[in-house]
Amino acid sequence: MRCGVSSDFFSRTLYDSQFDLIYAGAQPNMGPAGATLVVIKDGLLDRVSRKNPSMLDYGVHLKNESMFNTPPVFAVYVSMLTLQWLKDLGGLAAIGEANQRKANLLYSEIELNPLFNGYALKKDRSLMNATFTLAEQSLKDSFDQMCQEAGISGLAGHRSVGGYRASLYNALPLESVGVLVDVMSELEKKA
């Protein structure tokens, strides 16, 4: 099985033997844009029968210990610092618990506050990107203004569906999610 996990990578313990190949961009939780991590199960490359260009051939990269071309040194260095930070926090289990607390706090408010609706079904919710919309579009200007006054930015939803998207990546503290929840609750009181 293959898995693309850029948003979830290093956000919790979820990597096990069920995956043959994991492909992840570093930017959400591991480091800056420019680095990509590929994890390949032993023996998988032996089964590749077609000829790929050398830059797209994981076997070539493996044989050259990931040094076939010049790596993005800054991105690799920052990724190393981030991985050390995660280790110092207690590893994937610890960051997973912290991320679950953030998601629980926000999704609880979305569920309990009648002014908001979540996009995803409970079973499909992302721990890293909570998407929601206002039940009444007439409150959009008020909510946006309240968010701005609270110092919240970057909540715009995807261009194809609109609404709001709160990214809960590793570096975001629980207190920041609390600020958003407080604004959502305050909107309910004013409405």
Protein backbone atom coordinates (compact mmCIF):
# COMPACT_ATOMS: atom_id res chain seq x y z
CA MET A 1 0.00 0.00 0.00
CA ARG A 2 1.18 3.53 -0.80
CA CYS A 3 0.47 6.53 1.35
CA GLY A 4 0.79 10.28 0.86
CA VAL A 5 0.96 11.78 4.33
CA SER A 6 2.41 15.28 4.02
CA SER A 7 -0.05 16.85 6.47
CA ASP A 8 0.09 14.00 8.98
CA PHE A 9 3.76 13.09 8.79
CA PHE A 10 5.41 13.34 12.22
CA SER A 11 2.13 14.50 13.80
CA ARG A 12 1.48 11.19 15.59
CA THR A 13 2.42 7.54 15.55
CA LEU A 14 0.83 6.02 12.46
CA TYR A 15 3.53 4.37 10.42
CA ASP A 16 3.64 0.63 10.43
CA SER A 17 4.20 -2.33 8.19
CA GLN A 18 0.95 -1.83 6.25
CA PHE A 19 2.67 0.72 3.99
CA ASP A 20 5.12 -0.21 1.25
CA LEU A 21 5.91 3.40 0.40
CA ILE A 22 5.32 6.65 2.26
CA TYR A 23 5.85 9.98 0.51
CA ALA A 24 5.73 13.23 2.48
CA GLY A 25 6.62 16.86 1.97
CA ALA A 26 8.45 18.23 4.98
CA GLN A 27 6.71 21.60 5.21
CA PRO A 28 3.73 20.94 7.48
CA ASN A 29 5.41 19.24 10.47
CA MET A 30 8.99 18.26 9.68
CA GLY A 31 10.68 21.29 8.17
CA PRO A 32 10.55 23.94 5.46
CA ALA A 33 9.42 23.44 1.89
CA GLY A 34 12.15 21.99 -0.28
CA ALA A 35 12.64 18.68 1.48
CA THR A 36 10.70 15.51 0.81
CA LEU A 37 10.92 12.31 2.75
CA VAL A 38 10.33 8.92 1.16
CA VAL A 39 10.17 5.75 3.25
CA ILE A 40 10.33 2.51 1.27
CA LYS A 41 9.87 -1.02 2.56
CA ASP A 42 12.93 -3.24 2.15
CA GLY A 43 12.77 -5.24 -1.07
CA LEU A 44 10.23 -3.02 -2.81
CA LEU A 45 12.80 -1.50 -5.14
CA ASP A 46 13.88 -4.97 -6.26
CA ARG A 47 10.44 -5.39 -7.85
CA VAL A 48 10.63 -2.31 -10.11
CA SER A 49 10.86 -3.55 -13.68
CA ARG A 50 10.72 -0.35 -15.70
CA LYS A 51 13.56 2.08 -16.32
CA ASN A 52 13.01 5.47 -14.71
CA PRO A 53 15.08 8.63 -15.19
CA SER A 54 17.82 8.65 -12.56
CA MET A 55 16.32 11.60 -10.63
CA LEU A 56 13.05 9.66 -10.30
CA ASP A 57 14.65 6.32 -9.50
CA TYR A 58 14.55 5.70 -5.73
CA GLY A 59 17.04 2.86 -6.20
CA VAL A 60 19.65 5.33 -7.47
CA HIS A 61 19.05 7.57 -4.46
CA LEU A 62 19.27 4.62 -2.08
CA LYS A 63 22.56 3.38 -3.58
CA ASN A 64 23.96 6.90 -3.17
CA GLU A 65 22.75 7.26 0.43
CA SER A 66 20.37 10.10 -0.57
CA MET A 67 23.31 12.09 -1.96
CA PHE A 68 22.83 11.46 -5.70
CA ASN A 69 22.31 15.17 -6.18
CA THR A 70 22.97 18.14 -3.92
CA PRO A 71 20.29 18.04 -1.23
CA PRO A 72 18.52 21.23 -0.08
CA VAL A 73 20.96 21.81 2.79
CA PHE A 74 18.94 24.45 4.64
CA ALA A 75 15.75 22.36 4.49
CA VAL A 76 17.60 19.25 5.67
CA TYR A 77 19.24 21.19 8.54
CA VAL A 78 15.93 22.72 9.70
CA SER A 79 14.29 19.30 9.44
CA MET A 80 17.02 17.91 11.69
CA LEU A 81 16.35 20.67 14.24
CA THR A 82 12.61 19.97 14.08
CA LEU A 83 13.14 16.24 14.58
CA GLN A 84 15.35 16.99 17.59
CA TRP A 85 12.60 19.26 18.98
CA LEU A 86 10.07 16.45 18.54
CA LYS A 87 12.40 14.00 20.26
CA ASP A 88 12.91 16.42 23.16
CA LEU A 89 9.11 16.77 23.53
CA GLY A 90 8.81 13.02 23.97
CA GLY A 91 8.58 11.81 20.38
CA LEU A 92 5.64 10.99 18.17
CA ALA A 93 3.48 9.68 21.00
CA ALA A 94 3.78 12.96 22.91
CA ILE A 95 3.15 15.21 19.91
CA GLY A 96 0.28 12.94 18.90
CA GLU A 97 -1.37 13.48 22.28
CA ALA A 98 -0.87 17.25 22.01
CA ASN A 99 -2.32 17.29 18.49
CA GLN A 100 -5.30 15.20 19.60
CA ARG A 101 -6.03 17.71 22.40
CA LYS A 102 -5.95 20.59 19.88
CA ALA A 103 -8.27 18.78 17.46
CA ASN A 104 -10.65 17.72 20.26
CA LEU A 105 -10.91 21.30 21.52
CA LEU A 106 -11.73 22.74 18.10
CA TYR A 107 -14.03 19.96 16.90
CA SER A 108 -15.92 20.10 20.19
CA GLU A 109 -16.63 23.78 19.62
CA ILE A 110 -17.69 23.13 16.02
CA GLU A 111 -20.09 20.42 17.23
CA LEU A 112 -21.54 22.36 20.16
CA ASN A 113 -21.77 25.82 18.61
CA PRO A 114 -24.85 26.06 16.36
CA LEU A 115 -23.23 28.83 14.31
CA PHE A 116 -20.66 26.44 12.80
CA ASN A 117 -20.79 23.30 10.68
CA GLY A 118 -17.92 20.94 10.03
CA TYR A 119 -17.24 19.81 6.47
CA ALA A 120 -15.88 16.33 7.16
CA LEU A 121 -17.73 13.43 8.70
CA LYS A 122 -16.46 12.56 12.19
CA LYS A 123 -14.75 9.40 10.91
CA ASP A 124 -12.96 11.37 8.19
CA ARG A 125 -11.77 14.37 10.20
CA SER A 126 -8.19 15.49 9.93
CA LEU A 127 -6.17 16.14 13.07
CA MET A 128 -4.13 18.65 11.12
CA ASN A 129 -6.71 20.62 9.11
CA ALA A 130 -10.14 21.28 10.57
CA THR A 131 -12.56 22.59 7.95
CA PHE A 132 -15.79 24.32 8.85
CA THR A 133 -18.24 26.96 7.72
CA LEU A 134 -20.67 29.38 9.28
CA ALA A 135 -24.29 28.24 9.46
CA GLU A 136 -25.32 31.80 8.58
CA GLN A 137 -23.25 33.67 5.99
CA SER A 138 -24.57 36.95 7.39
CA LEU A 139 -22.13 36.45 10.32
CA LYS A 140 -19.04 36.17 8.10
CA ASP A 141 -17.94 39.80 8.38
CA SER A 142 -18.40 39.79 12.16
CA PHE A 143 -16.51 36.51 12.59
CA ASP A 144 -13.69 37.60 10.28
CA GLN A 145 -13.36 40.90 12.16
CA MET A 146 -13.32 39.15 15.54
CA CYS A 147 -10.62 36.74 14.30
CA GLN A 148 -8.53 39.64 13.03
CA GLU A 149 -8.87 41.48 16.34
CA ALA A 150 -7.78 38.32 18.19
CA GLY A 151 -4.68 38.05 15.98
CA ILE A 152 -5.93 35.02 14.07
CA SER A 153 -4.95 34.82 10.42
CA GLY A 154 -4.80 32.21 7.69
CA LEU A 155 -8.24 30.69 8.25
CA ALA A 156 -9.44 30.97 4.67
CA GLY A 157 -10.86 27.71 3.38
CA HIS A 158 -9.93 26.01 0.14
CA ARG A 159 -10.83 28.02 -2.95
CA SER A 160 -13.12 25.26 -4.22
CA VAL A 161 -15.28 24.94 -1.08
CA GLY A 162 -14.78 28.19 0.84
CA GLY A 163 -15.51 28.33 4.53
CA TYR A 164 -12.63 28.10 6.97
CA ARG A 165 -9.65 25.84 7.45
CA ALA A 166 -7.77 25.85 10.75
CA SER A 167 -4.38 24.17 10.43
CA LEU A 168 -3.33 22.51 13.66
CA TYR A 169 0.22 21.52 12.75
CA ASN A 170 2.77 20.53 15.40
CA ALA A 171 4.17 24.02 15.98
CA LEU A 172 0.77 25.52 16.79
CA PRO A 173 0.27 25.60 20.56
CA LEU A 174 -2.95 24.53 22.26
CA GLU A 175 -3.37 28.11 23.49
CA SER A 176 -3.76 29.32 19.90
CA VAL A 177 -6.59 26.87 19.32
CA GLY A 178 -8.11 28.18 22.55
CA VAL A 179 -8.09 31.71 21.14
CA LEU A 180 -10.03 30.56 18.07
CA VAL A 181 -12.51 28.63 20.22
CA ASP A 182 -12.99 31.69 22.42
CA VAL A 183 -13.77 33.82 19.34
CA MET A 184 -16.25 31.21 18.07
CA SER A 185 -17.93 31.09 21.47
CA GLU A 186 -18.04 34.88 21.69
CA LEU A 187 -19.71 35.05 18.27
CA GLU A 188 -22.41 32.70 19.55
CA LYS A 189 -23.03 34.98 22.55
CA LYS A 190 -23.34 38.06 20.31
CA ALA A 191 -25.57 36.43 17.69
